Amino acid sequence: MDQATQTELEAAAFRRLLSHLHQRTDVQNIDLMILANFCRNCLANWYQDAGEDRGIEISKDEAREHIYGMPYSEWKEKHQTEATPEQLAAFEAAHKS
C-alpha cells in the first residue's frame, strides 16, 4: 500500500471514530480513561499537536470543538455527568501502575 492510500485510510478511520464518539455521548471521558487510558481531550491534544508539527496553529478550544463536534463548554453542559464513586475508584485502580 502506498503512503497516500495509507494516510487516506487512517484519516477515514479517524473520522469514523469521531462520528462514533459524537453519537455515543453517553460514554463519558472517565469511562474512556478507565478502559483505554485516553479520552476526547487526549484526542484534541493530539490533534492540536499534529497541527503544531505541521506549523498550523490550532487553539485548545478549536481542537476540542473539532473532536467534540461542538464547543467543549456546550458538550459538558449537555452530556457530561459527575463521575460516580465507582468510576473514580476504577480510574484510580487503572492508573496505579
N, C-alpha and C. Protein backbone atom coordinates (compact mmCIF):
# COMPACT_ATOMS: atom_id res chain seq x y z
N MET A 1 0.85 -1.18 0.00
CA MET A 1 0.00 0.00 0.00
C MET A 1 0.89 1.23 0.00
N ASP A 2 0.57 2.19 -0.85
CA ASP A 2 1.38 3.39 -0.89
C ASP A 2 1.01 4.32 0.27
N GLN A 3 1.89 5.25 0.58
CA GLN A 3 1.74 6.14 1.74
C GLN A 3 0.48 7.00 1.65
N ALA A 4 0.16 7.49 0.48
CA ALA A 4 -1.04 8.34 0.31
C ALA A 4 -2.31 7.56 0.63
N THR A 5 -2.38 6.32 0.15
CA THR A 5 -3.55 5.49 0.43
C THR A 5 -3.64 5.17 1.92
N GLN A 6 -2.51 4.85 2.53
CA GLN A 6 -2.50 4.58 3.96
C GLN A 6 -2.99 5.79 4.75
N THR A 7 -2.51 6.97 4.38
CA THR A 7 -2.94 8.21 5.06
C THR A 7 -4.44 8.43 4.88
N GLU A 8 -4.95 8.18 3.68
CA GLU A 8 -6.39 8.33 3.43
C GLU A 8 -7.20 7.37 4.30
N LEU A 9 -6.75 6.13 4.41
CA LEU A 9 -7.46 5.14 5.23
C LEU A 9 -7.41 5.51 6.70
N GLU A 10 -6.25 5.96 7.16
CA GLU A 10 -6.13 6.38 8.56
C GLU A 10 -7.03 7.57 8.84
N ALA A 11 -7.08 8.52 7.93
CA ALA A 11 -7.96 9.69 8.09
C ALA A 11 -9.42 9.26 8.12
N ALA A 12 -9.81 8.34 7.26
CA ALA A 12 -11.19 7.85 7.25
C ALA A 12 -11.53 7.14 8.55
N ALA A 13 -10.59 6.35 9.07
CA ALA A 13 -10.83 5.67 10.34
C ALA A 13 -10.96 6.68 11.48
N PHE A 14 -10.15 7.72 11.46
CA PHE A 14 -10.24 8.76 12.48
C PHE A 14 -11.58 9.49 12.40
N ARG A 15 -12.01 9.82 11.19
CA ARG A 15 -13.32 10.48 11.03
C ARG A 15 -14.44 9.58 11.54
N ARG A 16 -14.32 8.29 11.29
CA ARG A 16 -15.35 7.35 11.79
C ARG A 16 -15.32 7.27 13.31
N LEU A 17 -14.14 7.30 13.91
CA LEU A 17 -14.03 7.33 15.37
C LEU A 17 -14.72 8.57 15.92
N LEU A 18 -14.46 9.73 15.32
CA LEU A 18 -15.10 10.97 15.78
C LEU A 18 -16.61 10.88 15.64
N SER A 19 -17.09 10.35 14.53
CA SER A 19 -18.53 10.20 14.33
C SER A 19 -19.12 9.29 15.40
N HIS A 20 -18.44 8.22 15.69
CA HIS A 20 -18.89 7.29 16.72
C HIS A 20 -18.95 7.98 18.09
N LEU A 21 -17.92 8.74 18.42
CA LEU A 21 -17.91 9.44 19.70
C LEU A 21 -18.98 10.52 19.75
N HIS A 22 -19.27 11.15 18.62
CA HIS A 22 -20.34 12.16 18.58
C HIS A 22 -21.69 11.52 18.86
N GLN A 23 -21.86 10.30 18.38
CA GLN A 23 -23.12 9.58 18.60
C GLN A 23 -23.21 8.99 20.00
N ARG A 24 -22.10 8.64 20.59
CA ARG A 24 -22.09 7.97 21.89
C ARG A 24 -21.76 8.96 23.01
N THR A 25 -22.61 9.97 23.13
CA THR A 25 -22.40 10.97 24.17
C THR A 25 -22.63 10.39 25.56
N ASP A 26 -23.22 9.20 25.64
CA ASP A 26 -23.40 8.54 26.93
C ASP A 26 -22.07 8.03 27.49
N VAL A 27 -21.10 7.83 26.63
CA VAL A 27 -19.79 7.37 27.07
C VAL A 27 -19.02 8.58 27.58
N GLN A 28 -18.75 8.58 28.85
CA GLN A 28 -18.07 9.69 29.49
C GLN A 28 -16.56 9.56 29.30
N ASN A 29 -15.87 10.68 29.38
CA ASN A 29 -14.41 10.66 29.25
C ASN A 29 -13.76 9.77 30.30
N ILE A 30 -14.30 9.76 31.52
CA ILE A 30 -13.70 8.93 32.55
C ILE A 30 -13.81 7.46 32.18
N ASP A 31 -14.91 7.07 31.51
CA ASP A 31 -15.05 5.69 31.06
C ASP A 31 -13.96 5.34 30.05
N LEU A 32 -13.72 6.27 29.12
CA LEU A 32 -12.65 6.04 28.15
C LEU A 32 -11.29 5.95 28.83
N MET A 33 -11.06 6.81 29.82
CA MET A 33 -9.78 6.81 30.54
C MET A 33 -9.59 5.50 31.31
N ILE A 34 -10.66 4.99 31.89
CA ILE A 34 -10.57 3.73 32.64
C ILE A 34 -10.21 2.59 31.70
N LEU A 35 -10.90 2.52 30.58
CA LEU A 35 -10.73 1.38 29.68
C LEU A 35 -9.55 1.50 28.72
N ALA A 36 -9.28 2.72 28.25
CA ALA A 36 -8.30 2.86 27.17
C ALA A 36 -7.16 3.83 27.48
N ASN A 37 -7.23 4.50 28.62
CA ASN A 37 -6.20 5.45 29.04
C ASN A 37 -6.06 6.63 28.07
N PHE A 38 -7.16 6.97 27.38
CA PHE A 38 -7.24 8.20 26.61
C PHE A 38 -8.70 8.60 26.55
N CYS A 39 -8.94 9.87 26.24
CA CYS A 39 -10.32 10.37 26.16
C CYS A 39 -10.43 11.38 25.03
N ARG A 40 -11.56 12.01 24.93
CA ARG A 40 -11.77 13.02 23.89
C ARG A 40 -10.77 14.17 24.03
N ASN A 41 -10.47 14.56 25.26
CA ASN A 41 -9.49 15.64 25.46
C ASN A 41 -8.11 15.24 24.97
N CYS A 42 -7.75 13.97 25.18
CA CYS A 42 -6.48 13.48 24.66
C CYS A 42 -6.46 13.58 23.14
N LEU A 43 -7.55 13.16 22.49
CA LEU A 43 -7.63 13.27 21.03
C LEU A 43 -7.47 14.72 20.59
N ALA A 44 -8.11 15.64 21.31
CA ALA A 44 -8.00 17.06 20.97
C ALA A 44 -6.55 17.52 21.11
N ASN A 45 -5.88 17.08 22.17
CA ASN A 45 -4.47 17.45 22.36
C ASN A 45 -3.60 16.89 21.23
N TRP A 46 -3.86 15.65 20.83
CA TRP A 46 -3.09 15.03 19.75
C TRP A 46 -3.36 15.75 18.43
N TYR A 47 -4.60 16.15 18.21
CA TYR A 47 -4.96 16.90 17.01
C TYR A 47 -4.22 18.24 16.99
N GLN A 48 -4.21 18.91 18.12
CA GLN A 48 -3.50 20.19 18.25
C GLN A 48 -2.01 19.99 18.02
N ASP A 49 -1.43 18.95 18.60
CA ASP A 49 -0.01 18.64 18.40
C ASP A 49 0.31 18.37 16.94
N ALA A 50 -0.58 17.63 16.26
CA ALA A 50 -0.36 17.32 14.84
C ALA A 50 -0.33 18.61 14.02
N GLY A 51 -1.22 19.55 14.34
CA GLY A 51 -1.19 20.84 13.67
C GLY A 51 0.11 21.57 13.93
N GLU A 52 0.51 21.58 15.19
CA GLU A 52 1.76 22.25 15.56
C GLU A 52 2.95 21.66 14.82
N ASP A 53 2.98 20.32 14.70
CA ASP A 53 4.07 19.65 13.98
C ASP A 53 4.15 20.10 12.53
N ARG A 54 3.03 20.57 12.00
CA ARG A 54 2.98 21.00 10.60
C ARG A 54 2.94 22.51 10.45
N GLY A 55 3.19 23.22 11.55
CA GLY A 55 3.22 24.67 11.51
C GLY A 55 1.85 25.32 11.46
N ILE A 56 0.82 24.58 11.88
CA ILE A 56 -0.55 25.09 11.88
C ILE A 56 -0.95 25.33 13.33
N GLU A 57 -1.31 26.57 13.63
CA GLU A 57 -1.70 26.90 15.00
C GLU A 57 -3.17 26.59 15.19
N ILE A 58 -3.45 25.69 16.12
CA ILE A 58 -4.82 25.31 16.48
C ILE A 58 -4.94 25.53 17.98
N SER A 59 -5.89 26.33 18.38
CA SER A 59 -6.07 26.58 19.81
C SER A 59 -6.67 25.35 20.49
N LYS A 60 -6.53 25.29 21.80
CA LYS A 60 -7.11 24.20 22.57
C LYS A 60 -8.63 24.15 22.34
N ASP A 61 -9.27 25.31 22.36
CA ASP A 61 -10.72 25.36 22.14
C ASP A 61 -11.10 24.88 20.74
N GLU A 62 -10.33 25.28 19.72
CA GLU A 62 -10.60 24.83 18.35
C GLU A 62 -10.43 23.32 18.23
N ALA A 63 -9.39 22.79 18.83
CA ALA A 63 -9.15 21.36 18.77
C ALA A 63 -10.27 20.59 19.46
N ARG A 64 -10.67 21.06 20.63
CA ARG A 64 -11.75 20.38 21.35
C ARG A 64 -13.07 20.46 20.57
N GLU A 65 -13.34 21.60 19.97
CA GLU A 65 -14.58 21.72 19.19
C GLU A 65 -14.58 20.74 18.02
N HIS A 66 -13.42 20.55 17.41
CA HIS A 66 -13.32 19.59 16.31
C HIS A 66 -13.62 18.17 16.81
N ILE A 67 -13.05 17.82 17.94
CA ILE A 67 -13.21 16.46 18.46
C ILE A 67 -14.62 16.24 19.02
N TYR A 68 -15.13 17.20 19.75
CA TYR A 68 -16.45 17.05 20.38
C TYR A 68 -17.61 17.32 19.41
N GLY A 69 -17.34 17.99 18.30
CA GLY A 69 -18.40 18.32 17.36
C GLY A 69 -19.23 19.52 17.78
N MET A 70 -18.78 20.21 18.80
CA MET A 70 -19.44 21.42 19.32
C MET A 70 -18.47 22.04 20.32
N PRO A 71 -18.72 23.27 20.74
CA PRO A 71 -17.84 23.84 21.77
C PRO A 71 -17.82 22.95 23.01
N TYR A 72 -16.64 22.81 23.59
CA TYR A 72 -16.47 21.94 24.75
C TYR A 72 -17.42 22.30 25.89
N SER A 73 -17.60 23.59 26.14
CA SER A 73 -18.49 24.01 27.22
C SER A 73 -19.92 23.54 26.96
N GLU A 74 -20.33 23.57 25.70
CA GLU A 74 -21.68 23.10 25.34
C GLU A 74 -21.80 21.59 25.54
N TRP A 75 -20.77 20.85 25.13
CA TRP A 75 -20.79 19.39 25.30
C TRP A 75 -20.88 19.05 26.78
N LYS A 76 -20.08 19.73 27.60
CA LYS A 76 -20.10 19.46 29.04
C LYS A 76 -21.49 19.71 29.62
N GLU A 77 -22.09 20.82 29.21
CA GLU A 77 -23.41 21.18 29.73
C GLU A 77 -24.47 20.15 29.31
N LYS A 78 -24.39 19.68 28.07
CA LYS A 78 -25.39 18.77 27.55
C LYS A 78 -25.17 17.31 27.96
N HIS A 79 -23.92 16.90 28.06
CA HIS A 79 -23.65 15.46 28.13
C HIS A 79 -22.81 14.99 29.31
N GLN A 80 -22.01 15.85 29.90
CA GLN A 80 -21.10 15.38 30.95
C GLN A 80 -21.85 15.22 32.26
N THR A 81 -21.58 14.11 32.93
CA THR A 81 -22.15 13.86 34.24
C THR A 81 -21.03 13.80 35.27
N GLU A 82 -21.40 13.93 36.52
CA GLU A 82 -20.41 13.78 37.59
C GLU A 82 -19.93 12.34 37.63
N ALA A 83 -18.65 12.16 37.85
CA ALA A 83 -18.12 10.81 37.98
C ALA A 83 -18.66 10.19 39.26
N THR A 84 -19.05 8.94 39.14
CA THR A 84 -19.56 8.21 40.30
C THR A 84 -18.38 7.76 41.16
N PRO A 85 -18.65 7.43 42.42
CA PRO A 85 -17.57 6.87 43.24
C PRO A 85 -16.97 5.61 42.62
N GLU A 86 -17.80 4.81 41.96
CA GLU A 86 -17.31 3.59 41.31
C GLU A 86 -16.38 3.92 40.15
N GLN A 87 -16.74 4.94 39.36
CA GLN A 87 -15.88 5.36 38.25
C GLN A 87 -14.55 5.89 38.77
N LEU A 88 -14.61 6.70 39.81
CA LEU A 88 -13.38 7.26 40.37
C LEU A 88 -12.48 6.15 40.92
N ALA A 89 -13.07 5.16 41.58
CA ALA A 89 -12.28 4.04 42.11
C ALA A 89 -11.67 3.23 40.97
N ALA A 90 -12.45 2.99 39.91
CA ALA A 90 -11.93 2.26 38.76
C ALA A 90 -10.82 3.03 38.07
N PHE A 91 -10.97 4.34 37.99
CA PHE A 91 -9.93 5.19 37.39
C PHE A 91 -8.64 5.09 38.20
N GLU A 92 -8.76 5.20 39.51
CA GLU A 92 -7.58 5.10 40.37
C GLU A 92 -6.91 3.73 40.23
N ALA A 93 -7.72 2.68 40.21
CA ALA A 93 -7.16 1.32 40.09
C ALA A 93 -6.47 1.13 38.73
N ALA A 94 -7.04 1.70 37.69
CA ALA A 94 -6.49 1.54 36.34
C ALA A 94 -5.18 2.31 36.16
N HIS A 95 -4.97 3.32 36.98
CA HIS A 95 -3.81 4.19 36.79
C HIS A 95 -2.79 4.09 37.93
N LYS A 96 -2.86 3.02 38.70
CA LYS A 96 -1.90 2.84 39.79
C LYS A 96 -0.51 2.51 39.28
N SER A 97 -0.45 1.77 38.20
CA SER A 97 0.88 1.35 37.70
C SER A 97 1.52 2.36 36.82
